[in-house]
Amino acid sequence: MIEARHLRVLRAVAATGSFSAAARELGCTQPAVSQQMKALESSAGTPLLIRTGREMRLTQAGEALVRHASGILAGLTAAEEEVAAIAGLRAGRVRLVSFPSGSSTLVPGALAALRAAHPGTRVSLVEAEPPRSVEMLREGDCDIALAFRYGTSGAEWDDLVVRPLLTDRLIGLVPEGHRLAGADAVGIGELADESWIAGCPRCRRQLVEVCEESGFTPRIDFATDDYPAVIGLVGASLGVAVLPELAIESVRPKGARTVTVEPAVEREIVALTLPDLAQVPAVAATLDQLSLAAAR
């Protein structure tokens, strides 16, 4: 019989490439990792790893087992959490991953409300932008991923439970002394000759697409995932930018002015989880609180 602890070790070995690195990641000894891998190969009845000097590669059987491990471990985690939460959410754990502007706006109120209602439920938070956050969810490294997408195509999330939260419009940012700083609305084509400051890779790609639809390619002189840095660069008159409204809410735009950009560009903010995890009361309660926070 294949044991879950052995699958976790196999996944760590596959990810790190060695027993010693896997041991460091798992917080155990290298001999313990070696013993558990031998036990797993014995249970499987076939070699799972090929050892050639310092290099370690998965066999075909090993690749198949790693491919199924995340779903198996997610299902086991769901079962464990549901059992622990049967007694009215007096226990439980939720691992949340969020993009930065969501962490500073939606997450604090949602987690404060969750803690007040269910003080025994523990929630951890790490930050990652999609698509990395969605990969973490599928790999079993989190229970809920706060993510966003541009457009309406949902095929990339067909295997997940999608909880829509809100629609977030992109807002223009120009320096206070800019010729368009007092405008009610600005056509993005009016900024064609400006120096641009771009955000995360997905936002950067969307910016280029929107500008090209308006007949120009933006000259991106600065690129940073840090929204306060974007606002600081605009405030120093080093360029213009478009940022999600959530990002502007979380940072005081010193030295910069916001303007409405036409045509309107919006992103959909959602909370994602796996179907099995959606049945876990602590996860369901967290999703509910994120929905309430988005509606405020």
Protein backbone atom coordinates (compact mmCIF):
# COMPACT_ATOMS: atom_id res chain seq x y z
CA MET A 1 0.00 0.00 0.00
CA ILE A 2 1.31 3.44 -0.97
CA GLU A 3 1.43 5.83 1.99
CA ALA A 4 0.84 9.57 1.80
CA ARG A 5 4.08 10.35 3.66
CA HIS A 6 6.01 8.44 1.00
CA LEU A 7 4.29 10.43 -1.76
CA ARG A 8 5.28 13.69 -0.06
CA VAL A 9 8.89 12.50 0.02
CA LEU A 10 8.78 11.46 -3.65
CA ARG A 11 7.37 14.84 -4.65
CA ALA A 12 10.11 16.63 -2.69
CA VAL A 13 12.83 14.48 -4.28
CA ALA A 14 11.40 15.13 -7.75
CA ALA A 15 11.24 18.88 -7.10
CA THR A 16 14.72 19.23 -5.56
CA GLY A 17 16.63 16.57 -7.52
CA SER A 18 18.36 14.91 -4.56
CA PHE A 19 17.75 13.12 -1.26
CA SER A 20 19.77 15.65 0.71
CA ALA A 21 17.89 18.66 -0.73
CA ALA A 22 14.57 16.91 -0.16
CA ALA A 23 15.57 16.21 3.43
CA ARG A 24 16.31 19.89 4.01
CA GLU A 25 12.94 20.86 2.53
CA LEU A 26 11.07 18.30 4.61
CA GLY A 27 13.00 18.96 7.82
CA CYS A 28 14.32 15.41 8.22
CA THR A 29 17.56 13.47 7.60
CA GLN A 30 18.89 12.20 4.30
CA PRO A 31 18.84 8.55 5.52
CA ALA A 32 15.17 8.95 6.44
CA VAL A 33 14.39 10.15 2.91
CA SER A 34 16.34 7.23 1.45
CA GLN A 35 14.49 4.72 3.64
CA GLN A 36 11.09 6.11 2.72
CA MET A 37 11.92 6.04 -0.98
CA LYS A 38 12.99 2.38 -0.67
CA ALA A 39 9.69 1.62 1.09
CA LEU A 40 7.73 3.41 -1.65
CA GLU A 41 9.55 1.52 -4.42
CA SER A 42 8.84 -1.72 -2.57
CA SER A 43 5.14 -0.82 -2.36
CA ALA A 44 5.04 0.17 -6.02
CA GLY A 45 6.87 -2.98 -7.10
CA THR A 46 9.08 -1.10 -9.56
CA PRO A 47 11.96 1.42 -9.46
CA LEU A 48 10.85 5.03 -9.28
CA LEU A 49 14.26 6.72 -9.47
CA ILE A 50 17.37 6.30 -11.58
CA ARG A 51 20.56 7.25 -9.74
CA THR A 52 23.53 8.17 -11.92
CA GLY A 53 26.30 9.68 -9.85
CA ARG A 54 24.94 12.84 -8.27
CA GLU A 55 22.10 13.10 -10.74
CA MET A 56 18.71 11.61 -9.93
CA ARG A 57 15.96 11.10 -12.53
CA LEU A 58 12.47 9.73 -12.34
CA THR A 59 11.57 6.53 -14.13
CA GLN A 60 8.38 6.43 -16.17
CA ALA A 61 6.60 4.93 -13.16
CA GLY A 62 8.05 7.65 -10.94
CA GLU A 63 6.80 10.37 -13.29
CA ALA A 64 3.31 8.83 -13.26
CA LEU A 65 3.26 8.67 -9.46
CA VAL A 66 4.43 12.28 -9.08
CA ARG A 67 1.78 13.38 -11.57
CA HIS A 68 -0.95 11.83 -9.41
CA ALA A 69 0.60 12.75 -6.05
CA SER A 70 -0.73 16.34 -5.87
CA GLY A 71 -4.34 15.27 -6.40
CA ILE A 72 -3.99 12.41 -3.93
CA LEU A 73 -2.41 14.61 -1.26
CA ALA A 74 -4.98 17.37 -1.82
CA GLY A 75 -7.76 14.81 -1.35
CA LEU A 76 -6.16 13.54 1.85
CA THR A 77 -5.70 17.08 3.14
CA ALA A 78 -9.36 17.79 2.43
CA ALA A 79 -10.38 14.67 4.34
CA GLU A 80 -8.19 15.53 7.32
CA GLU A 81 -9.38 19.14 7.47
CA GLU A 82 -13.04 18.19 7.15
CA VAL A 83 -12.78 15.68 10.00
CA ALA A 84 -11.01 18.28 12.16
CA ALA A 85 -13.68 20.85 11.37
CA ILE A 86 -16.74 18.70 12.08
CA ALA A 87 -16.93 20.05 15.63
CA GLY A 88 -18.06 23.50 14.48
CA LEU A 89 -14.81 24.85 13.03
CA ARG A 90 -13.01 24.63 16.35
CA ALA A 91 -9.98 23.41 14.44
CA GLY A 92 -8.67 23.68 10.94
CA ARG A 93 -6.10 25.33 8.74
CA VAL A 94 -6.34 27.36 5.56
CA ARG A 95 -3.31 28.20 3.44
CA LEU A 96 -4.04 31.29 1.35
CA VAL A 97 -1.95 32.72 -1.48
CA SER A 98 -2.75 36.16 -2.90
CA PHE A 99 -1.38 38.74 -5.31
CA PRO A 100 -0.05 41.85 -3.50
CA SER A 101 -2.91 44.32 -4.08
CA GLY A 102 -5.38 41.67 -2.95
CA SER A 103 -3.29 41.05 0.17
CA SER A 104 -3.50 44.69 1.18
CA THR A 105 -7.20 45.29 0.39
CA LEU A 106 -9.42 42.18 0.39
CA VAL A 107 -7.49 39.81 2.63
CA PRO A 108 -7.14 41.79 5.91
CA GLY A 109 -10.87 42.36 6.43
CA ALA A 110 -11.74 38.81 5.38
CA LEU A 111 -9.24 37.20 7.73
CA ALA A 112 -10.17 39.47 10.64
CA ALA A 113 -13.83 38.50 10.24
CA LEU A 114 -12.90 34.82 9.94
CA ARG A 115 -10.81 34.94 13.11
CA ALA A 116 -13.62 36.66 15.01
CA ALA A 117 -16.14 34.02 13.91
CA HIS A 118 -13.87 30.98 14.15
CA PRO A 119 -10.85 31.70 16.40
CA GLY A 120 -9.71 28.08 16.21
CA THR A 121 -9.16 28.25 12.46
CA ARG A 122 -5.56 29.06 11.53
CA VAL A 123 -4.87 30.93 8.31
CA SER A 124 -1.47 31.47 6.71
CA LEU A 125 -0.76 33.88 3.84
CA VAL A 126 1.95 34.02 1.20
CA GLU A 127 2.08 36.24 -1.88
CA ALA A 128 2.34 35.16 -5.51
CA GLU A 129 1.01 36.50 -8.79
CA PRO A 130 -0.97 34.30 -11.17
CA PRO A 131 -0.19 32.00 -12.88
CA ARG A 132 2.28 30.96 -10.13
CA SER A 133 -0.43 31.17 -7.44
CA VAL A 134 -2.68 28.86 -9.48
CA GLU A 135 0.21 26.41 -9.93
CA MET A 136 0.70 26.39 -6.15
CA LEU A 137 -2.96 25.47 -5.70
CA ARG A 138 -2.77 22.60 -8.19
CA GLU A 139 0.50 21.38 -6.64
CA GLY A 140 -1.09 21.17 -3.20
CA ASP A 141 0.93 24.04 -1.70
CA CYS A 142 -2.10 26.15 -0.77
CA ASP A 143 -5.86 25.75 -0.23
CA ILE A 144 -7.14 29.01 -1.76
CA ALA A 145 -5.54 31.16 -4.45
CA LEU A 146 -6.66 34.76 -4.88
CA ALA A 147 -6.10 35.43 -8.59
CA PHE A 148 -7.15 37.62 -11.49
CA ARG A 149 -7.60 37.37 -15.23
CA TYR A 150 -8.25 39.73 -18.12
CA GLY A 151 -11.01 38.86 -20.56
CA THR A 152 -13.68 36.21 -20.18
CA SER A 153 -11.91 32.99 -21.19
CA GLY A 154 -12.16 30.58 -18.28
CA ALA A 155 -10.66 27.43 -19.84
CA GLU A 156 -7.46 27.78 -17.81
CA TRP A 157 -9.44 27.21 -14.59
CA ASP A 158 -11.90 24.54 -15.75
CA ASP A 159 -10.58 22.04 -13.18
CA LEU A 160 -11.00 24.46 -10.26
CA VAL A 161 -13.83 25.91 -8.19
CA VAL A 162 -14.05 29.59 -9.11
CA ARG A 163 -15.61 32.10 -6.67
CA PRO A 164 -15.99 35.48 -8.46
CA LEU A 165 -15.27 38.38 -6.10
CA LEU A 166 -15.25 41.67 -8.02
CA THR A 167 -14.37 43.45 -11.25
CA ASP A 168 -11.33 45.69 -10.96
CA ARG A 169 -10.87 48.49 -13.50
CA LEU A 170 -7.46 49.69 -14.62
CA ILE A 171 -6.82 53.33 -13.71
CA GLY A 172 -4.32 55.65 -15.39
CA LEU A 173 -1.55 57.33 -13.40
CA VAL A 174 0.23 60.47 -14.58
CA PRO A 175 2.54 62.93 -12.77
CA GLU A 176 0.83 65.86 -11.02
CA GLY A 177 2.23 68.32 -13.56
CA HIS A 178 1.29 66.24 -16.60
CA ARG A 179 -0.72 67.89 -19.39
CA LEU A 180 -3.57 65.39 -18.80
CA ALA A 181 -3.52 65.42 -14.99
CA GLY A 182 -6.82 67.33 -14.77
CA ALA A 183 -8.68 65.42 -17.47
CA ASP A 184 -11.91 63.59 -16.63
CA ALA A 185 -11.07 60.78 -19.04
CA VAL A 186 -8.04 60.00 -21.19
CA GLY A 187 -7.95 57.90 -24.34
CA ILE A 188 -5.04 55.54 -24.03
CA GLY A 189 -3.90 56.63 -27.50
CA GLU A 190 -3.22 60.12 -26.05
CA LEU A 191 -0.38 58.52 -24.08
CA ALA A 192 1.27 56.90 -27.10
CA ASP A 193 4.41 59.05 -26.92
CA GLU A 194 4.91 58.68 -23.17
CA SER A 195 7.47 56.66 -21.28
CA TRP A 196 5.61 53.77 -19.59
CA ILE A 197 6.06 52.02 -16.28
CA ALA A 198 4.73 48.46 -16.35
CA GLY A 199 3.73 46.06 -13.58
CA CYS A 200 3.71 42.27 -13.23
CA PRO A 201 4.28 40.12 -16.36
CA ARG A 202 0.58 39.36 -16.87
CA CYS A 203 -0.34 43.06 -16.43
CA ARG A 204 2.52 44.06 -18.72
CA ARG A 205 1.24 41.74 -21.44
CA GLN A 206 -2.25 43.16 -21.08
CA LEU A 207 -0.91 46.73 -21.31
CA VAL A 208 0.89 45.98 -24.56
CA GLU A 209 -2.22 44.33 -26.04
CA VAL A 210 -4.47 47.27 -25.11
CA CYS A 211 -2.02 49.83 -26.49
CA GLU A 212 -1.54 47.89 -29.73
CA GLU A 213 -5.32 47.76 -30.18
CA SER A 214 -5.20 51.57 -29.97
CA GLY A 215 -2.55 51.74 -32.67
CA PHE A 216 0.76 52.02 -30.84
CA THR A 217 3.33 49.97 -28.93
CA PRO A 218 4.15 51.41 -25.50
CA ARG A 219 7.76 52.33 -24.79
CA ILE A 220 8.29 50.57 -21.45
CA ASP A 221 11.29 52.12 -19.73
CA PHE A 222 10.64 50.68 -16.27
CA ALA A 223 9.07 47.41 -15.12
CA THR A 224 8.44 46.38 -11.53
CA ASP A 225 6.07 44.07 -9.64
CA ASP A 226 6.05 46.54 -6.74
CA TYR A 227 3.01 48.84 -7.00
CA PRO A 228 4.38 51.50 -4.62
CA ALA A 229 7.47 51.61 -6.84
CA VAL A 230 5.28 52.17 -9.92
CA ILE A 231 3.49 55.02 -8.16
CA GLY A 232 6.80 56.48 -6.97
CA LEU A 233 8.24 56.44 -10.49
CA VAL A 234 5.14 58.18 -11.87
CA GLY A 235 5.26 60.70 -9.02
CA ALA A 236 8.86 61.49 -9.96
CA SER A 237 7.69 62.30 -13.53
CA LEU A 238 9.54 59.33 -14.99
CA GLY A 239 6.59 58.02 -16.92
CA VAL A 240 2.91 57.06 -16.92
CA ALA A 241 1.21 53.81 -15.96
CA VAL A 242 -2.08 52.00 -15.62
CA LEU A 243 -2.74 50.13 -12.40
CA PRO A 244 -5.65 48.11 -11.03
CA GLU A 245 -7.95 50.15 -8.83
CA LEU A 246 -7.22 47.77 -5.93
CA ALA A 247 -3.53 48.63 -6.15
CA ILE A 248 -4.21 52.36 -6.02
CA GLU A 249 -6.52 51.88 -3.01
CA SER A 250 -3.68 50.26 -1.10
CA VAL A 251 -1.06 52.99 -1.72
CA ARG A 252 -1.34 56.78 -1.44
CA PRO A 253 -0.29 58.05 -4.89
CA LYS A 254 2.09 60.80 -3.77
CA GLY A 255 3.09 63.09 -6.63
CA ALA A 256 0.78 61.32 -9.07
CA ARG A 257 -2.78 61.87 -10.31
CA THR A 258 -5.29 59.20 -11.27
CA VAL A 259 -7.23 59.50 -14.53
CA THR A 260 -9.95 57.39 -16.08
CA VAL A 261 -8.58 55.55 -19.11
CA GLU A 262 -10.67 54.78 -22.18
CA PRO A 263 -11.44 52.24 -23.48
CA ALA A 264 -12.19 50.63 -20.13
CA VAL A 265 -9.96 47.68 -19.27
CA GLU A 266 -11.07 45.43 -16.44
CA ARG A 267 -9.76 42.36 -14.68
CA GLU A 268 -11.83 39.79 -12.86
CA ILE A 269 -10.77 39.07 -9.27
CA VAL A 270 -11.58 35.54 -8.09
CA ALA A 271 -10.83 33.08 -5.32
CA LEU A 272 -9.87 29.62 -6.54
CA THR A 273 -9.76 26.26 -4.82
CA LEU A 274 -9.85 22.56 -5.69
CA PRO A 275 -13.22 20.75 -5.77
CA ASP A 276 -12.29 18.52 -2.82
CA LEU A 277 -11.06 21.47 -0.76
CA ALA A 278 -14.24 23.46 -1.45
CA GLN A 279 -16.08 20.98 0.80
CA VAL A 280 -13.81 21.69 3.77
CA PRO A 281 -15.71 23.98 6.20
CA ALA A 282 -12.69 26.17 7.01
CA VAL A 283 -11.99 26.72 3.31
CA ALA A 284 -15.67 27.40 2.58
CA ALA A 285 -15.83 29.91 5.46
CA THR A 286 -12.74 31.71 4.14
CA LEU A 287 -14.25 31.92 0.65
CA ASP A 288 -17.43 33.38 2.17
CA GLN A 289 -15.47 36.04 4.06
CA LEU A 290 -13.49 36.96 0.93
CA SER A 291 -16.81 37.42 -0.91
CA LEU A 292 -18.13 39.65 1.88
CA ALA A 293 -14.92 41.70 1.94
CA ALA A 294 -15.15 42.24 -1.83
CA ALA A 295 -18.76 43.42 -1.51
CA ARG A 296 -17.95 46.12 1.06
